[in-house]
Amino acid sequence: MVEDKYAGISIKGRTTVTVLSPTQQTIKYEMVDGKGGYATIVEGKVTKDER
């Protein structure tokens, strides 16, 4: 859990990285909403280029 500042307000968030394989990962960043749950802000998939 990290604490970020947005518009001068401290907001708690968390980052989740899931390794699917040596060349693929998923990434998700969530922030605490007003009800104490988490709202997804950014979600993505990473594929490493095999060179």
PDB file of N, CA and C in Angstrom:
ATOM      1  N   MET A   1       0.859  -1.167   0.000  1.00  0.00           N
ATOM      2  CA  MET A   1       0.000   0.000   0.000  1.00  0.00           C
ATOM      3  C   MET A   1       0.904   1.229   0.000  1.00  0.00           C
ATOM      4  N   VAL A   2       0.535   2.187  -0.824  1.00  0.00           N
ATOM      5  CA  VAL A   2       1.271   3.442  -0.904  1.00  0.00           C
ATOM      6  C   VAL A   2       0.312   4.591  -0.638  1.00  0.00           C
ATOM      7  N   GLU A   3       0.877   5.724  -0.268  1.00  0.00           N
ATOM      8  CA  GLU A   3       0.064   6.912  -0.062  1.00  0.00           C
ATOM      9  C   GLU A   3       0.512   7.957  -1.071  1.00  0.00           C
ATOM     10  N   ASP A   4      -0.402   8.381  -1.932  1.00  0.00           N
ATOM     11  CA  ASP A   4      -0.117   9.365  -2.967  1.00  0.00           C
ATOM     12  C   ASP A   4      -0.804  10.681  -2.630  1.00  0.00           C
ATOM     13  N   LYS A   5      -0.365  11.730  -3.294  1.00  0.00           N
ATOM     14  CA  LYS A   5      -1.029  13.026  -3.142  1.00  0.00           C
ATOM     15  C   LYS A   5      -1.682  13.385  -4.462  1.00  0.00           C
ATOM     16  N   TYR A   6      -2.963  13.720  -4.405  1.00  0.00           N
ATOM     17  CA  TYR A   6      -3.712  14.141  -5.574  1.00  0.00           C
ATOM     18  C   TYR A   6      -4.456  15.410  -5.204  1.00  0.00           C
ATOM     19  N   ALA A   7      -4.178  16.495  -5.901  1.00  0.00           N
ATOM     20  CA  ALA A   7      -4.799  17.800  -5.625  1.00  0.00           C
ATOM     21  C   ALA A   7      -4.607  18.203  -4.157  1.00  0.00           C
ATOM     22  N   GLY A   8      -3.431  17.867  -3.593  1.00  0.00           N
ATOM     23  CA  GLY A   8      -3.119  18.234  -2.219  1.00  0.00           C
ATOM     24  C   GLY A   8      -3.723  17.340  -1.161  1.00  0.00           C
ATOM     25  N   ILE A   9      -4.425  16.282  -1.571  1.00  0.00           N
ATOM     26  CA  ILE A   9      -5.067  15.360  -0.631  1.00  0.00           C
ATOM     27  C   ILE A   9      -4.326  14.034  -0.639  1.00  0.00           C
ATOM     28  N   SER A  10      -4.052  13.475   0.539  1.00  0.00           N
ATOM     29  CA  SER A  10      -3.400  12.168   0.625  1.00  0.00           C
ATOM     30  C   SER A  10      -4.417  11.075   0.330  1.00  0.00           C
ATOM     31  N   ILE A  11      -4.060  10.189  -0.585  1.00  0.00           N
ATOM     32  CA  ILE A  11      -4.942   9.092  -0.985  1.00  0.00           C
ATOM     33  C   ILE A  11      -4.144   7.796  -0.955  1.00  0.00           C
ATOM     34  N   LYS A  12      -4.728   6.744  -0.392  1.00  0.00           N
ATOM     35  CA  LYS A  12      -4.059   5.452  -0.334  1.00  0.00           C
ATOM     36  C   LYS A  12      -4.370   4.645  -1.593  1.00  0.00           C
ATOM     37  N   GLY A  13      -3.361   3.937  -2.062  1.00  0.00           N
ATOM     38  CA  GLY A  13      -3.538   3.122  -3.256  1.00  0.00           C
ATOM     39  C   GLY A  13      -2.680   1.874  -3.180  1.00  0.00           C
ATOM     40  N   ARG A  14      -2.876   0.981  -4.141  1.00  0.00           N
ATOM     41  CA  ARG A  14      -2.067  -0.224  -4.197  1.00  0.00           C
ATOM     42  C   ARG A  14      -1.846  -0.617  -5.652  1.00  0.00           C
ATOM     43  N   THR A  15      -0.702  -1.241  -5.883  1.00  0.00           N
ATOM     44  CA  THR A  15      -0.335  -1.723  -7.206  1.00  0.00           C
ATOM     45  C   THR A  15      -0.222  -3.232  -7.145  1.00  0.00           C
ATOM     46  N   THR A  16      -0.823  -3.919  -8.123  1.00  0.00           N
ATOM     47  CA  THR A  16      -0.754  -5.370  -8.198  1.00  0.00           C
ATOM     48  C   THR A  16      -0.118  -5.748  -9.532  1.00  0.00           C
ATOM     49  N   VAL A  17       0.964  -6.519  -9.468  1.00  0.00           N
ATOM     50  CA  VAL A  17       1.619  -7.033 -10.667  1.00  0.00           C
ATOM     51  C   VAL A  17       1.511  -8.553 -10.622  1.00  0.00           C
ATOM     52  N   THR A  18       0.932  -9.139 -11.666  1.00  0.00           N
ATOM     53  CA  THR A  18       0.784 -10.584 -11.759  1.00  0.00           C
ATOM     54  C   THR A  18       1.644 -11.085 -12.909  1.00  0.00           C
ATOM     55  N   VAL A  19       2.586 -11.974 -12.605  1.00  0.00           N
ATOM     56  CA  VAL A  19       3.454 -12.537 -13.633  1.00  0.00           C
ATOM     57  C   VAL A  19       2.753 -13.760 -14.222  1.00  0.00           C
ATOM     58  N   LEU A  20       2.394 -13.666 -15.499  1.00  0.00           N
ATOM     59  CA  LEU A  20       1.702 -14.753 -16.178  1.00  0.00           C
ATOM     60  C   LEU A  20       2.679 -15.758 -16.774  1.00  0.00           C
ATOM     61  N   SER A  21       3.813 -15.245 -17.260  1.00  0.00           N
ATOM     62  CA  SER A  21       4.869 -16.075 -17.847  1.00  0.00           C
ATOM     63  C   SER A  21       6.144 -15.237 -17.834  1.00  0.00           C
ATOM     64  N   PRO A  22       7.280 -15.799 -18.235  1.00  0.00           N
ATOM     65  CA  PRO A  22       8.510 -14.991 -18.257  1.00  0.00           C
ATOM     66  C   PRO A  22       8.426 -13.771 -19.184  1.00  0.00           C
ATOM     67  N   THR A  23       7.472 -13.766 -20.110  1.00  0.00           N
ATOM     68  CA  THR A  23       7.362 -12.641 -21.049  1.00  0.00           C
ATOM     69  C   THR A  23       6.072 -11.839 -20.908  1.00  0.00           C
ATOM     70  N   GLN A  24       5.163 -12.208 -19.986  1.00  0.00           N
ATOM     71  CA  GLN A  24       3.899 -11.488 -19.844  1.00  0.00           C
ATOM     72  C   GLN A  24       3.575 -11.181 -18.390  1.00  0.00           C
ATOM     73  N   GLN A  25       3.043  -9.964 -18.183  1.00  0.00           N
ATOM     74  CA  GLN A  25       2.618  -9.525 -16.853  1.00  0.00           C
ATOM     75  C   GLN A  25       1.343  -8.709 -16.994  1.00  0.00           C
ATOM     76  N   THR A  26       0.525  -8.681 -15.945  1.00  0.00           N
ATOM     77  CA  THR A  26      -0.591  -7.742 -15.878  1.00  0.00           C
ATOM     78  C   THR A  26      -0.317  -6.788 -14.724  1.00  0.00           C
ATOM     79  N   ILE A  27      -0.770  -5.543 -14.886  1.00  0.00           N
ATOM     80  CA  ILE A  27      -0.531  -4.510 -13.884  1.00  0.00           C
ATOM     81  C   ILE A  27      -1.860  -3.816 -13.594  1.00  0.00           C
ATOM     82  N   LYS A  28      -2.115  -3.545 -12.308  1.00  0.00           N
ATOM     83  CA  LYS A  28      -3.350  -2.859 -11.910  1.00  0.00           C
ATOM     84  C   LYS A  28      -3.021  -1.902 -10.770  1.00  0.00           C
ATOM     85  N   TYR A  29      -3.490  -0.648 -10.891  1.00  0.00           N
ATOM     86  CA  TYR A  29      -3.330   0.332  -9.819  1.00  0.00           C
ATOM     87  C   TYR A  29      -4.726   0.723  -9.339  1.00  0.00           C
ATOM     88  N   GLU A  30      -4.937   0.634  -8.022  1.00  0.00           N
ATOM     89  CA  GLU A  30      -6.235   0.938  -7.421  1.00  0.00           C
ATOM     90  C   GLU A  30      -6.067   1.974  -6.307  1.00  0.00           C
ATOM     91  N   MET A  31      -7.110   2.793  -6.111  1.00  0.00           N
ATOM     92  CA  MET A  31      -7.126   3.772  -5.028  1.00  0.00           C
ATOM     93  C   MET A  31      -8.344   3.514  -4.157  1.00  0.00           C
ATOM     94  N   VAL A  32      -8.226   3.851  -2.876  1.00  0.00           N
ATOM     95  CA  VAL A  32      -9.335   3.675  -1.933  1.00  0.00           C
ATOM     96  C   VAL A  32     -10.445   4.653  -2.309  1.00  0.00           C
ATOM     97  N   ASP A  33     -11.680   4.128  -2.408  1.00  0.00           N
ATOM     98  CA  ASP A  33     -12.814   4.999  -2.698  1.00  0.00           C
ATOM     99  C   ASP A  33     -13.440   5.491  -1.385  1.00  0.00           C
ATOM    100  N   GLY A  34     -14.468   6.275  -1.468  1.00  0.00           N
ATOM    101  CA  GLY A  34     -15.105   6.854  -0.292  1.00  0.00           C
ATOM    102  C   GLY A  34     -15.765   5.847   0.629  1.00  0.00           C
ATOM    103  N   LYS A  35     -16.028   4.638   0.140  1.00  0.00           N
ATOM    104  CA  LYS A  35     -16.691   3.610   0.935  1.00  0.00           C
ATOM    105  C   LYS A  35     -15.711   2.641   1.587  1.00  0.00           C
ATOM    106  N   GLY A  36     -14.399   2.863   1.401  1.00  0.00           N
ATOM    107  CA  GLY A  36     -13.397   1.978   1.987  1.00  0.00           C
ATOM    108  C   GLY A  36     -12.977   0.840   1.084  1.00  0.00           C
ATOM    109  N   GLY A  37     -13.602   0.722  -0.078  1.00  0.00           N
ATOM    110  CA  GLY A  37     -13.209  -0.293  -1.059  1.00  0.00           C
ATOM    111  C   GLY A  37     -12.157   0.280  -2.005  1.00  0.00           C
ATOM    112  N   TYR A  38     -11.858  -0.433  -3.051  1.00  0.00           N
ATOM    113  CA  TYR A  38     -10.859   0.020  -4.016  1.00  0.00           C
ATOM    114  C   TYR A  38     -11.489   0.244  -5.379  1.00  0.00           C
ATOM    115  N   ALA A  39     -11.067   1.302  -6.050  1.00  0.00           N
ATOM    116  CA  ALA A  39     -11.504   1.610  -7.405  1.00  0.00           C
ATOM    117  C   ALA A  39     -10.301   1.468  -8.329  1.00  0.00           C
ATOM    118  N   THR A  40     -10.460   0.748  -9.428  1.00  0.00           N
ATOM    119  CA  THR A  40      -9.368   0.566 -10.382  1.00  0.00           C
ATOM    120  C   THR A  40      -9.162   1.855 -11.163  1.00  0.00           C
ATOM    121  N   ILE A  41      -7.920   2.332 -11.188  1.00  0.00           N
ATOM    122  CA  ILE A  41      -7.569   3.562 -11.888  1.00  0.00           C
ATOM    123  C   ILE A  41      -6.888   3.231 -13.215  1.00  0.00           C
ATOM    124  N   VAL A  42      -5.931   2.305 -13.172  1.00  0.00           N
ATOM    125  CA  VAL A  42      -5.183   1.914 -14.370  1.00  0.00           C
ATOM    126  C   VAL A  42      -5.049   0.400 -14.385  1.00  0.00           C
ATOM    127  N   GLU A  43      -5.209  -0.182 -15.567  1.00  0.00           N
ATOM    128  CA  GLU A  43      -5.067  -1.617 -15.731  1.00  0.00           C
ATOM    129  C   GLU A  43      -4.366  -1.844 -17.058  1.00  0.00           C
ATOM    130  N   GLY A  44      -3.440  -2.805 -17.107  1.00  0.00           N
ATOM    131  CA  GLY A  44      -2.751  -3.041 -18.371  1.00  0.00           C
ATOM    132  C   GLY A  44      -2.075  -4.395 -18.431  1.00  0.00           C
ATOM    133  N   LYS A  45      -1.606  -4.709 -19.620  1.00  0.00           N
ATOM    134  CA  LYS A  45      -0.915  -5.968 -19.866  1.00  0.00           C
ATOM    135  C   LYS A  45       0.421  -5.637 -20.524  1.00  0.00           C
ATOM    136  N   VAL A  46       1.476  -6.296 -20.084  1.00  0.00           N
ATOM    137  CA  VAL A  46       2.813  -6.065 -20.596  1.00  0.00           C
ATOM    138  C   VAL A  46       3.305  -7.342 -21.267  1.00  0.00           C
ATOM    139  N   THR A  47       3.830  -7.214 -22.467  1.00  0.00           N
ATOM    140  CA  THR A  47       4.441  -8.346 -23.156  1.00  0.00           C
ATOM    141  C   THR A  47       5.872  -7.952 -23.503  1.00  0.00           C
ATOM    142  N   LYS A  48       6.816  -8.711 -23.005  1.00  0.00           N
ATOM    143  CA  LYS A  48       8.227  -8.443 -23.240  1.00  0.00           C
ATOM    144  C   LYS A  48       8.593  -8.874 -24.655  1.00  0.00           C
ATOM    145  N   ASP A  49       9.313  -8.009 -25.333  1.00  0.00           N
ATOM    146  CA  ASP A  49       9.756  -8.293 -26.692  1.00  0.00           C
ATOM    147  C   ASP A  49      10.906  -9.295 -26.645  1.00  0.00           C
ATOM    148  N   GLU A  50      10.772 -10.385 -27.341  1.00  0.00           N
ATOM    149  CA  GLU A  50      11.836 -11.402 -27.371  1.00  0.00           C
ATOM    150  C   GLU A  50      12.817 -11.059 -28.477  1.00  0.00           C
ATOM    151  N   ARG A  51      13.996 -10.631 -28.104  1.00  0.00           N
ATOM    152  CA  ARG A  51      15.021 -10.256 -29.094  1.00  0.00           C
ATOM    153  C   ARG A  51      16.208 -11.162 -28.994  1.00  0.00           C
TER     154      ARG A  51
END
